Amino acid sequence: DPLALNYFKIIRIFMVAPGAWPADVFGEKLSLLVRVHRALMPYHTSVIVIGELYYLYIHKEELDFLNMGHVIIFTFLGVLIAIRSILPQLRKYHLLLTKFVRVMHLMHFKNKGPYYKQINETVDKISYYYTIFAAIVVATAMINFNIVPLFNNVTNVLIYKTENYTLEFALYYKYPGFDPLDYFPSTTIYNVYLSYNCSIMVCGIDLILFLIIFQIIGHVYILRYNLENFPSPKIKVVFKLEEILKHKGNEDISSEMFDAEENREVRLKLQECIEHHKLIIGFTDELSELF
């Protein structure tokens, strides 16, 4: 089962909660909290975007260029996350991942020959290292995004005791009747949660896309190998030009020909290559339609 591979286990650990990896599609039972969180995430993220827009409207005269740019960038990023969080809830997404794991994964082809096994092992190794890299990027992005304002707050409030210092947040949003400064500890923790969702929906979805592309590339290499290594005819017929053209000479013409049994084998191999090509093209079309 491909899901037993290490990189799928890593994906399962940090991508199930936001819904980027629909574990329930593969028979895993999800808690009510995870299911509700996944269903509400597009609406929840949209509320944050509204709060960011309201913050910009209220403080447009006070913000300098850099701070305004910071808020605007993460407002657009919030819109991206709201849109991307819809993707894991689509039936097409579930069907695509099911086909990816149950049909297209090279593990299902590795017993067809040594080259199949070699490509499967190579793609699995690349997929594992890339998954590790993506997990590190997610963790690093989340930590760095939140540690800078935390460091500034600690140094200015606890160490230097700066007067009239305004506490910093990783994300800035505001609503009528709600000021994050009045709830600084809880808002800071909440921002860590939001940055986790953001990292998963940006890097996590891209990770799944890359893993699928790695498998498609593996299939293309196998198809090319099969086409380049078609069996040659065993029968070699030699024609003497002297007998054909009725003139003296030592030139011979050789021709390789398939016998009936070889023709049958070649037809089956060619049919297999055609079906493999159709499988690759069909899956690639489904992928491009969704993404």
C-alpha atoms as a PDB file:
ATOM      1  CA  ASP A   1       0.000   0.000   0.000  1.00  0.00           C
ATOM      2  CA  PRO A   2       1.589   3.365  -1.003  1.00  0.00           C
ATOM      3  CA  LEU A   3       0.093   4.989   2.121  1.00  0.00           C
ATOM      4  CA  ALA A   4       2.531   2.933   4.208  1.00  0.00           C
ATOM      5  CA  LEU A   5       5.465   4.852   2.691  1.00  0.00           C
ATOM      6  CA  ASN A   6       7.244   7.250   5.037  1.00  0.00           C
ATOM      7  CA  TYR A   7       6.498  10.410   3.081  1.00  0.00           C
ATOM      8  CA  PHE A   8       2.764   9.702   3.115  1.00  0.00           C
ATOM      9  CA  LYS A   9       2.978   9.238   6.894  1.00  0.00           C
ATOM     10  CA  ILE A  10       4.658  12.645   7.187  1.00  0.00           C
ATOM     11  CA  ILE A  11       1.928  14.214   5.053  1.00  0.00           C
ATOM     12  CA  ARG A  12      -0.683  12.560   7.255  1.00  0.00           C
ATOM     13  CA  ILE A  13       0.844  14.079  10.404  1.00  0.00           C
ATOM     14  CA  PHE A  14       0.843  17.757   9.452  1.00  0.00           C
ATOM     15  CA  MET A  15      -1.730  18.061   6.662  1.00  0.00           C
ATOM     16  CA  VAL A  16      -4.863  16.248   7.861  1.00  0.00           C
ATOM     17  CA  ALA A  17      -6.108  18.897  10.308  1.00  0.00           C
ATOM     18  CA  PRO A  18      -6.533  21.711   7.734  1.00  0.00           C
ATOM     19  CA  GLY A  19      -7.953  19.181   5.277  1.00  0.00           C
ATOM     20  CA  ALA A  20      -5.170  19.424   2.696  1.00  0.00           C
ATOM     21  CA  TRP A  21      -4.843  15.641   2.898  1.00  0.00           C
ATOM     22  CA  PRO A  22      -8.324  14.022   2.958  1.00  0.00           C
ATOM     23  CA  ALA A  23      -7.485  10.964   5.058  1.00  0.00           C
ATOM     24  CA  ASP A  24     -11.156   9.999   5.306  1.00  0.00           C
ATOM     25  CA  VAL A  25     -11.170   9.266   1.557  1.00  0.00           C
ATOM     26  CA  PHE A  26      -8.742   6.405   2.266  1.00  0.00           C
ATOM     27  CA  GLY A  27     -10.875   4.897   4.999  1.00  0.00           C
ATOM     28  CA  GLU A  28      -9.446   6.722   8.004  1.00  0.00           C
ATOM     29  CA  LYS A  29     -11.904   7.974  10.596  1.00  0.00           C
ATOM     30  CA  LEU A  30     -11.535  11.683  11.359  1.00  0.00           C
ATOM     31  CA  SER A  31     -12.633  13.354  14.562  1.00  0.00           C
ATOM     32  CA  LEU A  32     -15.620  15.687  14.560  1.00  0.00           C
ATOM     33  CA  LEU A  33     -13.300  18.608  15.382  1.00  0.00           C
ATOM     34  CA  VAL A  34     -11.173  18.005  12.257  1.00  0.00           C
ATOM     35  CA  ARG A  35     -14.233  17.637  10.021  1.00  0.00           C
ATOM     36  CA  VAL A  36     -15.808  20.842  11.355  1.00  0.00           C
ATOM     37  CA  HIS A  37     -12.497  22.712  11.110  1.00  0.00           C
ATOM     38  CA  ARG A  38     -12.055  21.657   7.483  1.00  0.00           C
ATOM     39  CA  ALA A  39     -15.620  22.614   6.551  1.00  0.00           C
ATOM     40  CA  LEU A  40     -15.443  26.042   8.215  1.00  0.00           C
ATOM     41  CA  MET A  41     -11.939  26.987   7.101  1.00  0.00           C
ATOM     42  CA  PRO A  42     -12.954  28.931   3.933  1.00  0.00           C
ATOM     43  CA  TYR A  43     -15.461  31.000   5.937  1.00  0.00           C
ATOM     44  CA  HIS A  44     -13.115  31.400   8.883  1.00  0.00           C
ATOM     45  CA  THR A  45     -10.301  32.644   6.629  1.00  0.00           C
ATOM     46  CA  SER A  46     -12.699  35.020   4.865  1.00  0.00           C
ATOM     47  CA  VAL A  47     -13.571  36.569   8.237  1.00  0.00           C
ATOM     48  CA  ILE A  48      -9.860  37.174   8.881  1.00  0.00           C
ATOM     49  CA  VAL A  49      -9.523  38.858   5.465  1.00  0.00           C
ATOM     50  CA  ILE A  50     -12.445  41.146   6.338  1.00  0.00           C
ATOM     51  CA  GLY A  51     -10.704  42.001   9.622  1.00  0.00           C
ATOM     52  CA  GLU A  52      -7.495  42.858   7.766  1.00  0.00           C
ATOM     53  CA  LEU A  53      -9.370  45.102   5.345  1.00  0.00           C
ATOM     54  CA  TYR A  54     -11.102  46.831   8.267  1.00  0.00           C
ATOM     55  CA  TYR A  55      -7.727  47.334   9.968  1.00  0.00           C
ATOM     56  CA  LEU A  56      -6.371  48.941   6.788  1.00  0.00           C
ATOM     57  CA  TYR A  57      -9.402  51.213   6.568  1.00  0.00           C
ATOM     58  CA  ILE A  58      -9.146  52.347  10.198  1.00  0.00           C
ATOM     59  CA  HIS A  59      -5.368  52.881  10.239  1.00  0.00           C
ATOM     60  CA  LYS A  60      -4.694  53.967   6.657  1.00  0.00           C
ATOM     61  CA  GLU A  61      -3.494  57.401   7.797  1.00  0.00           C
ATOM     62  CA  GLU A  62      -1.228  56.039  10.550  1.00  0.00           C
ATOM     63  CA  LEU A  63       0.556  53.182   8.788  1.00  0.00           C
ATOM     64  CA  ASP A  64       3.914  53.792   7.169  1.00  0.00           C
ATOM     65  CA  PHE A  65       4.818  52.276   3.807  1.00  0.00           C
ATOM     66  CA  LEU A  66       6.366  49.055   5.144  1.00  0.00           C
ATOM     67  CA  ASN A  67       3.619  48.259   7.645  1.00  0.00           C
ATOM     68  CA  MET A  68       0.897  48.982   5.113  1.00  0.00           C
ATOM     69  CA  GLY A  69       2.666  46.740   2.612  1.00  0.00           C
ATOM     70  CA  HIS A  70       2.869  44.006   5.265  1.00  0.00           C
ATOM     71  CA  VAL A  71      -0.878  44.130   5.910  1.00  0.00           C
ATOM     72  CA  ILE A  72      -1.775  44.321   2.199  1.00  0.00           C
ATOM     73  CA  ILE A  73       0.441  41.343   1.308  1.00  0.00           C
ATOM     74  CA  PHE A  74      -1.088  39.165   3.997  1.00  0.00           C
ATOM     75  CA  THR A  75      -4.576  40.299   3.072  1.00  0.00           C
ATOM     76  CA  PHE A  76      -4.014  38.964  -0.443  1.00  0.00           C
ATOM     77  CA  LEU A  77      -2.428  35.853   1.041  1.00  0.00           C
ATOM     78  CA  GLY A  78      -5.561  35.401   3.153  1.00  0.00           C
ATOM     79  CA  VAL A  79      -7.677  35.548  -0.008  1.00  0.00           C
ATOM     80  CA  LEU A  80      -5.443  32.857  -1.538  1.00  0.00           C
ATOM     81  CA  ILE A  81      -5.840  30.639   1.541  1.00  0.00           C
ATOM     82  CA  ALA A  82      -9.618  31.106   1.547  1.00  0.00           C
ATOM     83  CA  ILE A  83      -9.740  29.943  -2.081  1.00  0.00           C
ATOM     84  CA  ARG A  84      -7.276  27.088  -1.603  1.00  0.00           C
ATOM     85  CA  SER A  85      -9.114  25.793   1.464  1.00  0.00           C
ATOM     86  CA  ILE A  86     -12.092  25.060  -0.808  1.00  0.00           C
ATOM     87  CA  LEU A  87      -9.997  22.718  -2.984  1.00  0.00           C
ATOM     88  CA  PRO A  88      -9.643  19.828  -0.466  1.00  0.00           C
ATOM     89  CA  GLN A  89     -13.419  19.721  -0.079  1.00  0.00           C
ATOM     90  CA  LEU A  90     -14.112  19.177  -3.780  1.00  0.00           C
ATOM     91  CA  ARG A  91     -15.104  15.706  -4.955  1.00  0.00           C
ATOM     92  CA  LYS A  92     -12.734  16.072  -7.945  1.00  0.00           C
ATOM     93  CA  TYR A  93      -9.835  16.533  -5.523  1.00  0.00           C
ATOM     94  CA  HIS A  94     -10.791  13.374  -3.639  1.00  0.00           C
ATOM     95  CA  LEU A  95     -11.130  11.364  -6.862  1.00  0.00           C
ATOM     96  CA  LEU A  96      -7.788  12.644  -8.163  1.00  0.00           C
ATOM     97  CA  LEU A  97      -5.916  11.688  -4.985  1.00  0.00           C
ATOM     98  CA  THR A  98      -7.638   8.309  -4.900  1.00  0.00           C
ATOM     99  CA  LYS A  99      -6.498   7.608  -8.467  1.00  0.00           C
ATOM    100  CA  PHE A 100      -3.034   8.910  -7.634  1.00  0.00           C
ATOM    101  CA  VAL A 101      -2.636   6.507  -4.699  1.00  0.00           C
ATOM    102  CA  ARG A 102      -4.649   3.501  -5.901  1.00  0.00           C
ATOM    103  CA  VAL A 103      -3.865   3.509  -9.641  1.00  0.00           C
ATOM    104  CA  MET A 104      -1.036   5.816 -10.732  1.00  0.00           C
ATOM    105  CA  HIS A 105       1.497   5.256  -7.970  1.00  0.00           C
ATOM    106  CA  LEU A 106       4.537   3.451  -9.368  1.00  0.00           C
ATOM    107  CA  MET A 107       4.419   0.934  -6.520  1.00  0.00           C
ATOM    108  CA  HIS A 108       1.603  -0.800  -8.420  1.00  0.00           C
ATOM    109  CA  PHE A 109       3.912  -1.244 -11.452  1.00  0.00           C
ATOM    110  CA  LYS A 110       7.219  -2.181  -9.801  1.00  0.00           C
ATOM    111  CA  ASN A 111       6.781  -5.951 -10.314  1.00  0.00           C
ATOM    112  CA  LYS A 112       6.538  -5.596 -14.100  1.00  0.00           C
ATOM    113  CA  GLY A 113      10.298  -5.525 -14.534  1.00  0.00           C
ATOM    114  CA  PRO A 114      13.678  -4.339 -13.163  1.00  0.00           C
ATOM    115  CA  TYR A 115      13.392  -0.889 -14.751  1.00  0.00           C
ATOM    116  CA  TYR A 116       9.925  -0.379 -13.252  1.00  0.00           C
ATOM    117  CA  LYS A 117      11.336  -1.222  -9.818  1.00  0.00           C
ATOM    118  CA  GLN A 118      14.333   1.075 -10.324  1.00  0.00           C
ATOM    119  CA  ILE A 119      12.168   4.052 -11.324  1.00  0.00           C
ATOM    120  CA  ASN A 120       9.761   3.389  -8.443  1.00  0.00           C
ATOM    121  CA  GLU A 121      12.611   3.387  -5.908  1.00  0.00           C
ATOM    122  CA  THR A 122      14.122   6.554  -7.408  1.00  0.00           C
ATOM    123  CA  VAL A 123      10.818   8.450  -7.397  1.00  0.00           C
ATOM    124  CA  ASP A 124      10.055   7.292  -3.841  1.00  0.00           C
ATOM    125  CA  LYS A 125      13.451   8.541  -2.677  1.00  0.00           C
ATOM    126  CA  ILE A 126      12.974  11.929  -4.372  1.00  0.00           C
ATOM    127  CA  SER A 127       9.438  12.193  -2.974  1.00  0.00           C
ATOM    128  CA  TYR A 128      10.642  11.412   0.553  1.00  0.00           C
ATOM    129  CA  TYR A 129      13.408  14.026   0.530  1.00  0.00           C
ATOM    130  CA  TYR A 130      11.144  16.633  -1.023  1.00  0.00           C
ATOM    131  CA  THR A 131       8.482  15.941   1.628  1.00  0.00           C
ATOM    132  CA  ILE A 132      11.089  16.421   4.370  1.00  0.00           C
ATOM    133  CA  PHE A 133      12.148  19.682   2.711  1.00  0.00           C
ATOM    134  CA  ALA A 134       8.531  20.898   2.493  1.00  0.00           C
ATOM    135  CA  ALA A 135       7.895  19.999   6.155  1.00  0.00           C
ATOM    136  CA  ILE A 136      10.988  21.986   7.175  1.00  0.00           C
ATOM    137  CA  VAL A 137       9.817  24.954   5.075  1.00  0.00           C
ATOM    138  CA  VAL A 138       6.374  24.836   6.729  1.00  0.00           C
ATOM    139  CA  ALA A 139       7.859  24.722  10.244  1.00  0.00           C
ATOM    140  CA  THR A 140      10.494  27.374   9.486  1.00  0.00           C
ATOM    141  CA  ALA A 141       7.994  29.745   7.883  1.00  0.00           C
ATOM    142  CA  MET A 142       5.591  29.422  10.794  1.00  0.00           C
ATOM    143  CA  ILE A 143       8.311  29.950  13.421  1.00  0.00           C
ATOM    144  CA  ASN A 144      10.056  32.854  11.674  1.00  0.00           C
ATOM    145  CA  PHE A 145       6.775  34.590  10.926  1.00  0.00           C
ATOM    146  CA  ASN A 146       5.820  34.652  14.609  1.00  0.00           C
ATOM    147  CA  ILE A 147       9.192  34.935  16.313  1.00  0.00           C
ATOM    148  CA  VAL A 148      10.081  38.410  14.986  1.00  0.00           C
ATOM    149  CA  PRO A 149       7.171  40.300  16.627  1.00  0.00           C
ATOM    150  CA  LEU A 150       7.580  38.144  19.752  1.00  0.00           C
ATOM    151  CA  PHE A 151      11.277  39.032  19.953  1.00  0.00           C
ATOM    152  CA  ASN A 152      10.547  42.753  19.466  1.00  0.00           C
ATOM    153  CA  ASN A 153       7.873  42.682  22.164  1.00  0.00           C
ATOM    154  CA  VAL A 154      10.107  40.874  24.669  1.00  0.00           C
ATOM    155  CA  THR A 155      13.114  43.140  24.100  1.00  0.00           C
ATOM    156  CA  ASN A 156      11.137  46.392  24.201  1.00  0.00           C
ATOM    157  CA  VAL A 157       8.780  45.549  27.071  1.00  0.00           C
ATOM    158  CA  LEU A 158      10.765  43.244  29.353  1.00  0.00           C
ATOM    159  CA  ILE A 159      14.385  44.194  28.665  1.00  0.00           C
ATOM    160  CA  TYR A 160      14.558  47.831  27.561  1.00  0.00           C
ATOM    161  CA  LYS A 161      11.176  48.794  29.065  1.00  0.00           C
ATOM    162  CA  THR A 162      10.474  51.177  26.189  1.00  0.00           C
ATOM    163  CA  GLU A 163       7.833  53.757  27.066  1.00  0.00           C
ATOM    164  CA  ASN A 164       4.696  54.100  24.907  1.00  0.00           C
ATOM    165  CA  TYR A 165       5.684  50.990  22.975  1.00  0.00           C
ATOM    166  CA  THR A 166       2.909  49.501  20.828  1.00  0.00           C
ATOM    167  CA  LEU A 167       2.853  45.719  20.923  1.00  0.00           C
ATOM    168  CA  GLU A 168       3.482  44.001  17.600  1.00  0.00           C
ATOM    169  CA  PHE A 169       1.542  41.146  16.005  1.00  0.00           C
ATOM    170  CA  ALA A 170       2.403  38.742  13.225  1.00  0.00           C
ATOM    171  CA  LEU A 171      -1.006  39.477  11.669  1.00  0.00           C
ATOM    172  CA  TYR A 172      -3.016  42.661  11.973  1.00  0.00           C
ATOM    173  CA  TYR A 173      -6.820  42.621  11.883  1.00  0.00           C
ATOM    174  CA  LYS A 174      -9.555  44.453  13.696  1.00  0.00           C
ATOM    175  CA  TYR A 175     -13.342  44.435  14.021  1.00  0.00           C
ATOM    176  CA  PRO A 176     -15.856  46.908  15.393  1.00  0.00           C
ATOM    177  CA  GLY A 177     -15.820  46.418  19.156  1.00  0.00           C
ATOM    178  CA  PHE A 178     -12.773  44.135  19.078  1.00  0.00           C
ATOM    179  CA  ASP A 179      -9.185  45.336  19.476  1.00  0.00           C
ATOM    180  CA  PRO A 180      -6.485  42.600  19.453  1.00  0.00           C
ATOM    181  CA  LEU A 181      -4.371  44.661  21.876  1.00  0.00           C
ATOM    182  CA  ASP A 182      -6.985  43.985  24.563  1.00  0.00           C
ATOM    183  CA  TYR A 183      -6.453  40.236  24.100  1.00  0.00           C
ATOM    184  CA  PHE A 184      -2.738  40.142  23.355  1.00  0.00           C
ATOM    185  CA  PRO A 185      -1.793  36.635  24.668  1.00  0.00           C
ATOM    186  CA  SER A 186      -4.751  34.843  23.087  1.00  0.00           C
ATOM    187  CA  THR A 187      -4.407  36.803  19.826  1.00  0.00           C
ATOM    188  CA  THR A 188      -0.698  35.921  19.592  1.00  0.00           C
ATOM    189  CA  ILE A 189      -1.452  32.207  20.040  1.00  0.00           C
ATOM    190  CA  TYR A 190      -4.281  32.475  17.535  1.00  0.00           C
ATOM    191  CA  ASN A 191      -1.902  34.052  15.003  1.00  0.00           C
ATOM    192  CA  VAL A 192       0.389  31.014  15.329  1.00  0.00           C
ATOM    193  CA  TYR A 193      -2.587  28.826  14.428  1.00  0.00           C
ATOM    194  CA  LEU A 194      -3.415  31.055  11.436  1.00  0.00           C
ATOM    195  CA  SER A 195       0.166  30.936  10.189  1.00  0.00           C
ATOM    196  CA  TYR A 196       0.051  27.124  10.428  1.00  0.00           C
ATOM    197  CA  ASN A 197      -3.059  27.045   8.240  1.00  0.00           C
ATOM    198  CA  CYS A 198      -1.394  29.433   5.809  1.00  0.00           C
ATOM    199  CA  SER A 199       1.799  27.353   5.566  1.00  0.00           C
ATOM    200  CA  ILE A 200      -0.125  24.140   4.956  1.00  0.00           C
ATOM    201  CA  MET A 201      -2.433  25.614   2.332  1.00  0.00           C
ATOM    202  CA  VAL A 202       0.476  27.191   0.438  1.00  0.00           C
ATOM    203  CA  CYS A 203       3.267  24.618   0.825  1.00  0.00           C
ATOM    204  CA  GLY A 204       1.132  21.547   1.561  1.00  0.00           C
ATOM    205  CA  ILE A 205      -1.066  21.721  -1.536  1.00  0.00           C
ATOM    206  CA  ASP A 206       2.022  22.415  -3.655  1.00  0.00           C
ATOM    207  CA  LEU A 207       3.747  19.414  -2.049  1.00  0.00           C
ATOM    208  CA  ILE A 208       0.920  17.093  -3.106  1.00  0.00           C
ATOM    209  CA  LEU A 209       1.055  18.549  -6.614  1.00  0.00           C
ATOM    210  CA  PHE A 210       4.809  17.943  -6.823  1.00  0.00           C
ATOM    211  CA  LEU A 211       4.458  14.352  -5.576  1.00  0.00           C
ATOM    212  CA  ILE A 212       1.903  13.687  -8.311  1.00  0.00           C
ATOM    213  CA  ILE A 213       4.194  15.262 -10.925  1.00  0.00           C
ATOM    214  CA  PHE A 214       7.106  13.078  -9.768  1.00  0.00           C
ATOM    215  CA  GLN A 215       4.975   9.987 -10.363  1.00  0.00           C
ATOM    216  CA  ILE A 216       3.934  11.206 -13.821  1.00  0.00           C
ATOM    217  CA  ILE A 217       7.584  11.828 -14.752  1.00  0.00           C
ATOM    218  CA  GLY A 218       8.397   8.288 -13.595  1.00  0.00           C
ATOM    219  CA  HIS A 219       5.666   6.909 -15.859  1.00  0.00           C
ATOM    220  CA  VAL A 220       7.030   8.918 -18.798  1.00  0.00           C
ATOM    221  CA  TYR A 221      10.536   7.510 -18.227  1.00  0.00           C
ATOM    222  CA  ILE A 222       9.134   3.968 -18.159  1.00  0.00           C
ATOM    223  CA  LEU A 223       7.116   4.531 -21.332  1.00  0.00           C
ATOM    224  CA  ARG A 224      10.140   5.965 -23.131  1.00  0.00           C
ATOM    225  CA  TYR A 225      12.283   3.038 -21.995  1.00  0.00           C
ATOM    226  CA  ASN A 226       9.731   0.524 -23.267  1.00  0.00           C
ATOM    227  CA  LEU A 227       9.513   2.248 -26.650  1.00  0.00           C
ATOM    228  CA  GLU A 228      13.297   2.487 -26.996  1.00  0.00           C
ATOM    229  CA  ASN A 229      13.834  -1.151 -26.050  1.00  0.00           C
ATOM    230  CA  PHE A 230      11.385  -2.940 -28.285  1.00  0.00           C
ATOM    231  CA  PRO A 231      12.537  -6.515 -29.048  1.00  0.00           C
ATOM    232  CA  SER A 232      14.383  -6.976 -32.340  1.00  0.00           C
ATOM    233  CA  PRO A 233      13.453  -9.722 -34.808  1.00  0.00           C
ATOM    234  CA  LYS A 234      15.266 -12.996 -34.306  1.00  0.00           C
ATOM    235  CA  ILE A 235      15.097 -13.949 -37.983  1.00  0.00           C
ATOM    236  CA  LYS A 236      17.615 -12.347 -40.314  1.00  0.00           C
ATOM    237  CA  VAL A 237      17.127 -12.887 -44.064  1.00  0.00           C
ATOM    238  CA  VAL A 238      20.041 -12.224 -46.451  1.00  0.00           C
ATOM    239  CA  PHE A 239      19.382 -11.406 -50.114  1.00  0.00           C
ATOM    240  CA  LYS A 240      22.174 -11.684 -52.687  1.00  0.00           C
ATOM    241  CA  LEU A 241      22.093  -8.869 -55.258  1.00  0.00           C
ATOM    242  CA  GLU A 242      23.737 -11.160 -57.817  1.00  0.00           C
ATOM    243  CA  GLU A 243      20.672 -13.411 -57.825  1.00  0.00           C
ATOM    244  CA  ILE A 244      18.114 -10.595 -57.776  1.00  0.00           C
ATOM    245  CA  LEU A 245      19.615  -8.224 -60.352  1.00  0.00           C
ATOM    246  CA  LYS A 246      21.267 -10.894 -62.513  1.00  0.00           C
ATOM    247  CA  HIS A 247      24.667  -9.300 -62.462  1.00  0.00           C
ATOM    248  CA  LYS A 248      27.973 -10.170 -60.935  1.00  0.00           C
ATOM    249  CA  GLY A 249      28.725  -8.707 -57.521  1.00  0.00           C
ATOM    250  CA  ASN A 250      29.413  -9.557 -53.929  1.00  0.00           C
ATOM    251  CA  GLU A 251      26.908  -7.191 -52.294  1.00  0.00           C
ATOM    252  CA  ASP A 252      24.295  -8.639 -49.955  1.00  0.00           C
ATOM    253  CA  ILE A 253      21.169  -7.075 -48.422  1.00  0.00           C
ATOM    254  CA  SER A 254      20.072  -8.242 -44.971  1.00  0.00           C
ATOM    255  CA  SER A 255      16.539  -7.844 -43.640  1.00  0.00           C
ATOM    256  CA  GLU A 256      15.220  -8.591 -40.154  1.00  0.00           C
ATOM    257  CA  MET A 257      11.701  -9.968 -39.967  1.00  0.00           C
ATOM    258  CA  PHE A 258       9.348 -10.965 -37.167  1.00  0.00           C
ATOM    259  CA  ASP A 259       7.839 -14.411 -37.252  1.00  0.00           C
ATOM    260  CA  ALA A 260       4.191 -15.030 -36.294  1.00  0.00           C
ATOM    261  CA  GLU A 261       4.935 -15.535 -32.586  1.00  0.00           C
ATOM    262  CA  GLU A 262       7.135 -12.435 -32.432  1.00  0.00           C
ATOM    263  CA  ASN A 263       4.459 -10.402 -34.218  1.00  0.00           C
ATOM    264  CA  ARG A 264       2.026 -11.434 -31.518  1.00  0.00           C
ATOM    265  CA  GLU A 265       4.439 -10.396 -28.751  1.00  0.00           C
ATOM    266  CA  VAL A 266       5.210  -7.059 -30.415  1.00  0.00           C
ATOM    267  CA  ARG A 267       1.514  -6.342 -30.863  1.00  0.00           C
ATOM    268  CA  LEU A 268       0.899  -6.998 -27.156  1.00  0.00           C
ATOM    269  CA  LYS A 269       3.846  -4.802 -26.114  1.00  0.00           C
ATOM    270  CA  LEU A 270       2.741  -2.018 -28.443  1.00  0.00           C
ATOM    271  CA  GLN A 271      -0.800  -2.266 -27.104  1.00  0.00           C
ATOM    272  CA  GLU A 272       0.569  -2.066 -23.556  1.00  0.00           C
ATOM    273  CA  CYS A 273       2.550   1.084 -24.444  1.00  0.00           C
ATOM    274  CA  ILE A 274      -0.529   2.680 -26.021  1.00  0.00           C
ATOM    275  CA  GLU A 275      -2.641   1.919 -22.934  1.00  0.00           C
ATOM    276  CA  HIS A 276       0.114   3.256 -20.681  1.00  0.00           C
ATOM    277  CA  HIS A 277       0.290   6.448 -22.740  1.00  0.00           C
ATOM    278  CA  LYS A 278      -3.493   6.864 -22.539  1.00  0.00           C
ATOM    279  CA  LEU A 279      -3.337   6.386 -18.751  1.00  0.00           C
ATOM    280  CA  ILE A 280      -0.646   9.076 -18.397  1.00  0.00           C
ATOM    281  CA  ILE A 281      -2.426  11.569 -20.668  1.00  0.00           C
ATOM    282  CA  GLY A 282      -5.811  10.977 -19.025  1.00  0.00           C
ATOM    283  CA  PHE A 283      -4.441  11.490 -15.519  1.00  0.00           C
ATOM    284  CA  THR A 284      -2.459  14.569 -16.593  1.00  0.00           C
ATOM    285  CA  ASP A 285      -5.627  16.089 -18.074  1.00  0.00           C
ATOM    286  CA  GLU A 286      -7.505  15.469 -14.805  1.00  0.00           C
ATOM    287  CA  LEU A 287      -4.662  17.103 -12.878  1.00  0.00           C
ATOM    288  CA  SER A 288      -4.560  20.196 -15.116  1.00  0.00           C
ATOM    289  CA  GLU A 289      -8.354  20.598 -14.920  1.00  0.00           C
ATOM    290  CA  LEU A 290      -8.258  20.694 -11.119  1.00  0.00           C
ATOM    291  CA  PHE A 291      -5.129  22.794 -10.577  1.00  0.00           C
END
